């Protein structure tokens, strides 16, 4: 299988997994509706809320997924970068649990694409 085919397979699998996870998260109860269920400060991040802003920009999720799998950032456009740099940093570990280094790398790359966007500190 060629490298493009392998990347395509991984991309499809990760997108399916992402859709499955966000669908299941949307069906869960709001943890704030059950006081005492989670200790203060440990309320899980709403993954649907984290991903929804990226889904609102056409092609953004696909570009980020491709970058995540390939390690190349050339497909991420300015509109996607603007949205990604506004995400709450608490979303990152939940969105990219397998690679904690990816969000800071993408944010640094976006700082070069979109002027005046904050780089990762």
N, C-alpha and C. Protein backbone atom coordinates (compact mmCIF):
# COMPACT_ATOMS: atom_id res chain seq x y z
N UNK A 1 0.85 -1.17 0.00
CA UNK A 1 0.00 0.00 0.00
C UNK A 1 0.89 1.24 0.00
N UNK A 2 0.56 2.24 -0.80
CA UNK A 2 1.36 3.44 -0.87
C UNK A 2 1.20 4.30 0.37
N UNK A 3 2.10 5.24 0.57
CA UNK A 3 2.06 6.06 1.76
C UNK A 3 0.80 6.93 1.81
N UNK A 4 0.33 7.38 0.65
CA UNK A 4 -0.91 8.17 0.63
C UNK A 4 -2.10 7.32 1.05
N UNK A 5 -2.11 6.08 0.65
CA UNK A 5 -3.20 5.18 1.02
C UNK A 5 -3.17 4.90 2.52
N UNK A 6 -2.00 4.73 3.08
CA UNK A 6 -1.86 4.47 4.51
C UNK A 6 -2.35 5.69 5.29
N UNK A 7 -1.95 6.87 4.87
CA UNK A 7 -2.39 8.10 5.55
C UNK A 7 -3.90 8.24 5.43
N UNK A 8 -4.45 7.91 4.27
CA UNK A 8 -5.89 7.99 4.07
C UNK A 8 -6.63 7.03 5.01
N UNK A 9 -6.12 5.83 5.16
CA UNK A 9 -6.74 4.86 6.07
C UNK A 9 -6.69 5.36 7.50
N UNK A 10 -5.54 5.84 7.94
CA UNK A 10 -5.43 6.38 9.30
C UNK A 10 -6.33 7.57 9.49
N UNK A 11 -6.44 8.42 8.51
CA UNK A 11 -7.29 9.60 8.59
C UNK A 11 -8.76 9.20 8.74
N UNK A 12 -9.19 8.24 7.95
CA UNK A 12 -10.58 7.79 8.03
C UNK A 12 -10.86 7.15 9.38
N UNK A 13 -9.94 6.34 9.86
CA UNK A 13 -10.13 5.69 11.16
C UNK A 13 -10.19 6.73 12.28
N UNK A 14 -9.29 7.73 12.24
CA UNK A 14 -9.29 8.73 13.30
C UNK A 14 -10.53 9.61 13.24
N UNK A 15 -10.99 9.94 12.04
CA UNK A 15 -12.21 10.73 11.93
C UNK A 15 -13.42 9.95 12.43
N UNK A 16 -13.50 8.67 12.10
CA UNK A 16 -14.59 7.84 12.61
C UNK A 16 -14.55 7.75 14.13
N UNK A 17 -13.37 7.57 14.67
CA UNK A 17 -13.23 7.51 16.13
C UNK A 17 -13.63 8.85 16.75
N UNK A 18 -13.23 9.95 16.14
CA UNK A 18 -13.60 11.27 16.65
C UNK A 18 -15.09 11.49 16.62
N UNK A 19 -15.74 11.07 15.56
CA UNK A 19 -17.19 11.21 15.46
C UNK A 19 -17.88 10.33 16.51
N UNK A 20 -17.38 9.13 16.70
CA UNK A 20 -17.94 8.22 17.69
C UNK A 20 -17.80 8.81 19.09
N UNK A 21 -16.62 9.32 19.42
CA UNK A 21 -16.38 9.87 20.74
C UNK A 21 -17.24 11.11 20.98
N UNK A 22 -17.28 12.03 20.01
CA UNK A 22 -18.07 13.24 20.22
C UNK A 22 -19.56 12.91 20.32
N UNK A 23 -20.02 11.89 19.58
CA UNK A 23 -21.41 11.47 19.69
C UNK A 23 -21.72 10.92 21.07
N UNK A 24 -20.82 10.12 21.61
CA UNK A 24 -21.02 9.56 22.95
C UNK A 24 -20.92 10.64 24.02
N UNK A 25 -20.02 11.57 23.87
CA UNK A 25 -19.87 12.64 24.85
C UNK A 25 -21.13 13.50 24.87
N UNK A 26 -21.72 13.73 23.70
CA UNK A 26 -22.93 14.54 23.62
C UNK A 26 -24.09 13.87 24.34
N UNK A 27 -24.08 12.55 24.44
CA UNK A 27 -25.16 11.83 25.09
C UNK A 27 -25.00 11.77 26.61
N UNK A 28 -23.82 12.08 27.09
CA UNK A 28 -23.56 12.02 28.53
C UNK A 28 -24.29 13.14 29.24
N UNK A 29 -24.58 12.92 30.51
CA UNK A 29 -25.19 13.96 31.30
C UNK A 29 -24.19 15.06 31.57
N UNK A 30 -24.71 16.24 31.80
CA UNK A 30 -23.87 17.36 32.20
C UNK A 30 -23.35 17.08 33.60
N UNK A 31 -22.03 17.00 33.80
CA UNK A 31 -21.49 16.66 35.12
C UNK A 31 -21.84 17.70 36.18
N UNK A 32 -22.11 18.93 35.77
CA UNK A 32 -22.45 19.96 36.74
C UNK A 32 -23.86 19.74 37.29
N UNK A 33 -24.68 18.92 36.60
CA UNK A 33 -26.03 18.63 37.07
C UNK A 33 -25.99 17.68 38.27
N UNK A 34 -24.88 17.03 38.51
CA UNK A 34 -24.71 16.11 39.63
C UNK A 34 -23.66 16.65 40.58
N UNK A 35 -24.03 17.57 41.46
CA UNK A 35 -23.02 18.14 42.35
C UNK A 35 -22.39 17.05 43.22
N UNK A 36 -21.09 17.16 43.39
CA UNK A 36 -20.36 16.21 44.20
C UNK A 36 -19.84 15.02 43.42
N UNK A 37 -20.26 14.89 42.15
CA UNK A 37 -19.79 13.78 41.35
C UNK A 37 -18.31 13.92 41.02
N UNK A 38 -17.87 15.15 40.73
CA UNK A 38 -16.47 15.43 40.46
C UNK A 38 -15.98 16.46 41.46
N UNK A 39 -14.74 16.31 41.94
CA UNK A 39 -14.19 17.32 42.84
C UNK A 39 -14.08 18.66 42.12
N UNK A 40 -14.13 19.77 42.86
CA UNK A 40 -14.01 21.08 42.23
C UNK A 40 -12.72 21.18 41.42
N UNK A 41 -12.82 21.74 40.22
CA UNK A 41 -11.66 21.90 39.36
C UNK A 41 -11.36 20.70 38.49
N UNK A 42 -12.05 19.57 38.74
CA UNK A 42 -11.80 18.36 37.96
C UNK A 42 -12.99 17.98 37.08
N UNK A 43 -13.86 18.94 36.84
CA UNK A 43 -14.99 18.68 35.95
C UNK A 43 -14.42 18.44 34.56
N UNK A 44 -14.79 17.33 33.91
CA UNK A 44 -14.23 17.03 32.59
C UNK A 44 -14.52 18.13 31.58
N UNK A 45 -13.59 18.34 30.70
CA UNK A 45 -13.74 19.32 29.64
C UNK A 45 -14.78 18.80 28.66
N UNK A 46 -15.65 19.67 28.20
CA UNK A 46 -16.68 19.30 27.24
C UNK A 46 -16.05 19.17 25.86
N UNK A 47 -15.78 17.92 25.43
CA UNK A 47 -15.12 17.68 24.15
C UNK A 47 -15.93 18.20 22.97
N UNK A 48 -17.24 18.12 23.07
CA UNK A 48 -18.08 18.62 21.99
C UNK A 48 -17.85 20.12 21.82
N UNK A 49 -17.78 20.81 22.93
CA UNK A 49 -17.55 22.26 22.89
C UNK A 49 -16.16 22.56 22.32
N UNK A 50 -15.18 21.76 22.67
CA UNK A 50 -13.81 21.96 22.17
C UNK A 50 -13.75 21.77 20.65
N UNK A 51 -14.35 20.69 20.16
CA UNK A 51 -14.27 20.37 18.74
C UNK A 51 -15.23 21.20 17.89
N UNK A 52 -16.34 21.68 18.48
CA UNK A 52 -17.37 22.33 17.68
C UNK A 52 -16.86 23.57 16.94
N UNK A 53 -16.02 24.35 17.58
CA UNK A 53 -15.51 25.55 16.90
C UNK A 53 -14.65 25.17 15.71
N UNK A 54 -13.93 24.05 15.79
CA UNK A 54 -13.11 23.60 14.67
C UNK A 54 -13.99 23.05 13.54
N UNK A 55 -15.10 22.40 13.89
CA UNK A 55 -16.01 21.89 12.87
C UNK A 55 -16.71 23.02 12.12
N UNK A 56 -16.80 24.20 12.74
CA UNK A 56 -17.46 25.33 12.09
C UNK A 56 -16.64 25.93 10.95
N UNK A 57 -15.35 25.64 10.90
CA UNK A 57 -14.49 26.12 9.82
C UNK A 57 -14.31 24.97 8.83
N UNK A 58 -14.74 25.19 7.61
CA UNK A 58 -14.71 24.12 6.61
C UNK A 58 -13.29 23.60 6.39
N UNK A 59 -13.13 22.29 6.51
CA UNK A 59 -11.85 21.63 6.27
C UNK A 59 -10.86 21.71 7.43
N UNK A 60 -11.23 22.36 8.50
CA UNK A 60 -10.29 22.56 9.61
C UNK A 60 -9.96 21.24 10.31
N UNK A 61 -10.96 20.46 10.63
CA UNK A 61 -10.72 19.20 11.34
C UNK A 61 -9.89 18.27 10.47
N UNK A 62 -10.20 18.23 9.19
CA UNK A 62 -9.43 17.39 8.26
C UNK A 62 -7.97 17.85 8.19
N UNK A 63 -7.75 19.17 8.12
CA UNK A 63 -6.38 19.69 8.05
C UNK A 63 -5.61 19.39 9.33
N UNK A 64 -6.26 19.54 10.48
CA UNK A 64 -5.59 19.26 11.75
C UNK A 64 -5.31 17.77 11.88
N UNK A 65 -6.25 16.94 11.49
CA UNK A 65 -6.04 15.49 11.55
C UNK A 65 -4.90 15.07 10.63
N UNK A 66 -4.87 15.63 9.44
CA UNK A 66 -3.78 15.33 8.51
C UNK A 66 -2.44 15.76 9.10
N UNK A 67 -2.40 16.93 9.70
CA UNK A 67 -1.17 17.41 10.33
C UNK A 67 -0.76 16.52 11.49
N UNK A 68 -1.74 16.08 12.27
CA UNK A 68 -1.47 15.22 13.41
C UNK A 68 -0.83 13.91 12.95
N UNK A 69 -1.35 13.35 11.86
CA UNK A 69 -0.85 12.06 11.37
C UNK A 69 0.47 12.19 10.61
N UNK A 70 0.65 13.30 9.90
CA UNK A 70 1.84 13.44 9.04
C UNK A 70 2.96 14.25 9.69
N UNK A 71 2.61 15.09 10.66
CA UNK A 71 3.62 15.97 11.26
C UNK A 71 3.93 17.18 10.40
N UNK A 72 3.14 17.39 9.34
CA UNK A 72 3.33 18.54 8.44
C UNK A 72 2.15 19.48 8.59
N UNK A 73 2.43 20.77 8.62
CA UNK A 73 1.40 21.76 8.93
C UNK A 73 0.98 22.61 7.74
N UNK A 74 1.43 22.27 6.54
CA UNK A 74 1.16 23.15 5.40
C UNK A 74 -0.31 23.18 5.00
N UNK A 75 -1.13 22.23 5.42
CA UNK A 75 -2.54 22.21 5.05
C UNK A 75 -3.42 23.06 5.97
N UNK A 76 -2.88 23.49 7.09
CA UNK A 76 -3.67 24.27 8.04
C UNK A 76 -3.68 25.73 7.58
N UNK A 77 -4.87 26.22 7.30
CA UNK A 77 -5.02 27.58 6.78
C UNK A 77 -5.25 28.58 7.90
N UNK A 78 -5.23 29.86 7.54
CA UNK A 78 -5.33 30.94 8.52
C UNK A 78 -6.63 30.89 9.31
N UNK A 79 -7.76 30.63 8.66
CA UNK A 79 -9.04 30.59 9.37
C UNK A 79 -9.04 29.49 10.43
N UNK A 80 -8.47 28.36 10.10
CA UNK A 80 -8.37 27.25 11.05
C UNK A 80 -7.44 27.62 12.20
N UNK A 81 -6.33 28.27 11.87
CA UNK A 81 -5.38 28.69 12.91
C UNK A 81 -6.02 29.68 13.88
N UNK A 82 -6.81 30.60 13.35
CA UNK A 82 -7.47 31.59 14.21
C UNK A 82 -8.35 30.90 15.24
N UNK A 83 -9.10 29.89 14.80
CA UNK A 83 -9.98 29.17 15.71
C UNK A 83 -9.16 28.33 16.68
N UNK A 84 -8.14 27.64 16.19
CA UNK A 84 -7.35 26.77 17.06
C UNK A 84 -6.65 27.57 18.17
N UNK A 85 -6.15 28.76 17.83
CA UNK A 85 -5.43 29.54 18.84
C UNK A 85 -6.37 30.10 19.91
N UNK A 86 -7.68 30.11 19.64
CA UNK A 86 -8.62 30.60 20.65
C UNK A 86 -9.15 29.48 21.54
N UNK A 87 -8.81 28.22 21.23
CA UNK A 87 -9.27 27.11 22.07
C UNK A 87 -8.67 27.21 23.47
N UNK A 88 -9.44 26.80 24.44
CA UNK A 88 -8.97 26.73 25.82
C UNK A 88 -7.89 25.65 25.90
N UNK A 89 -6.78 25.97 26.51
CA UNK A 89 -5.68 25.02 26.62
C UNK A 89 -6.08 23.76 27.39
N UNK A 90 -7.15 23.82 28.18
CA UNK A 90 -7.64 22.63 28.88
C UNK A 90 -8.26 21.61 27.93
N UNK A 91 -8.63 22.06 26.72
CA UNK A 91 -9.18 21.14 25.73
C UNK A 91 -8.09 20.26 25.12
N UNK A 92 -6.89 20.77 25.01
CA UNK A 92 -5.82 20.09 24.28
C UNK A 92 -5.55 18.67 24.76
N UNK A 93 -5.36 18.43 26.06
CA UNK A 93 -5.06 17.05 26.49
C UNK A 93 -6.20 16.09 26.19
N UNK A 94 -7.43 16.61 26.19
CA UNK A 94 -8.59 15.76 25.90
C UNK A 94 -8.72 15.49 24.40
N UNK A 95 -8.37 16.48 23.58
CA UNK A 95 -8.51 16.35 22.14
C UNK A 95 -7.38 15.53 21.53
N UNK A 96 -6.19 15.64 22.11
CA UNK A 96 -5.00 14.95 21.57
C UNK A 96 -4.31 14.17 22.69
N UNK A 97 -4.98 13.16 23.25
CA UNK A 97 -4.40 12.45 24.39
C UNK A 97 -3.17 11.62 24.03
N UNK A 98 -3.03 11.24 22.78
CA UNK A 98 -1.90 10.38 22.39
C UNK A 98 -0.63 11.15 22.09
N UNK A 99 -0.75 12.45 21.87
CA UNK A 99 0.43 13.26 21.56
C UNK A 99 0.30 14.64 22.20
N UNK A 100 0.75 14.79 23.43
CA UNK A 100 0.62 16.07 24.12
C UNK A 100 1.49 17.17 23.51
N UNK A 101 2.42 16.81 22.64
CA UNK A 101 3.31 17.80 22.04
C UNK A 101 2.70 18.43 20.78
N UNK A 102 1.66 17.80 20.23
CA UNK A 102 1.08 18.31 18.99
C UNK A 102 0.41 19.68 19.14
N UNK A 103 -0.46 19.91 20.13
CA UNK A 103 -1.11 21.22 20.21
C UNK A 103 -0.14 22.40 20.30
N UNK A 104 0.91 22.34 21.13
CA UNK A 104 1.85 23.46 21.14
C UNK A 104 2.58 23.65 19.81
N UNK A 105 2.89 22.55 19.14
CA UNK A 105 3.54 22.67 17.82
C UNK A 105 2.61 23.34 16.82
N UNK A 106 1.35 22.94 16.82
CA UNK A 106 0.38 23.54 15.90
C UNK A 106 0.17 25.01 16.24
N UNK A 107 0.09 25.32 17.51
CA UNK A 107 -0.11 26.72 17.91
C UNK A 107 1.09 27.57 17.51
N UNK A 108 2.29 27.07 17.66
CA UNK A 108 3.49 27.80 17.23
C UNK A 108 3.48 28.00 15.72
N UNK A 109 3.07 26.97 14.99
CA UNK A 109 2.99 27.10 13.54
C UNK A 109 1.92 28.13 13.16
N UNK A 110 0.81 28.12 13.86
CA UNK A 110 -0.26 29.09 13.58
C UNK A 110 0.19 30.52 13.90
N UNK A 111 1.08 30.68 14.85
CA UNK A 111 1.59 32.02 15.16
C UNK A 111 2.36 32.59 13.98
N UNK A 112 2.94 31.72 13.16
CA UNK A 112 3.64 32.19 11.95
C UNK A 112 2.66 32.50 10.82
N UNK A 113 1.55 31.77 10.78
CA UNK A 113 0.56 31.94 9.71
C UNK A 113 -0.33 33.15 9.97
N UNK A 114 -0.78 33.29 11.20
CA UNK A 114 -1.69 34.38 11.57
C UNK A 114 -0.94 35.37 12.44
N UNK A 115 -0.67 36.56 11.91
CA UNK A 115 0.03 37.56 12.72
C UNK A 115 -0.78 37.91 13.96
N UNK A 116 -0.10 38.23 15.02
CA UNK A 116 -0.69 38.65 16.29
C UNK A 116 -1.40 37.53 17.03
N UNK A 117 -1.22 36.27 16.62
CA UNK A 117 -1.78 35.19 17.40
C UNK A 117 -0.71 34.75 18.41
N UNK A 118 -1.13 34.43 19.63
CA UNK A 118 -0.15 34.10 20.66
C UNK A 118 0.52 32.76 20.38
N UNK A 119 1.83 32.72 20.53
CA UNK A 119 2.57 31.45 20.42
C UNK A 119 2.45 30.72 21.75
N UNK A 120 2.71 29.43 21.73
CA UNK A 120 2.63 28.64 22.97
C UNK A 120 3.77 29.05 23.89
N UNK A 121 3.45 29.21 25.14
CA UNK A 121 4.48 29.57 26.15
C UNK A 121 4.90 28.38 26.93
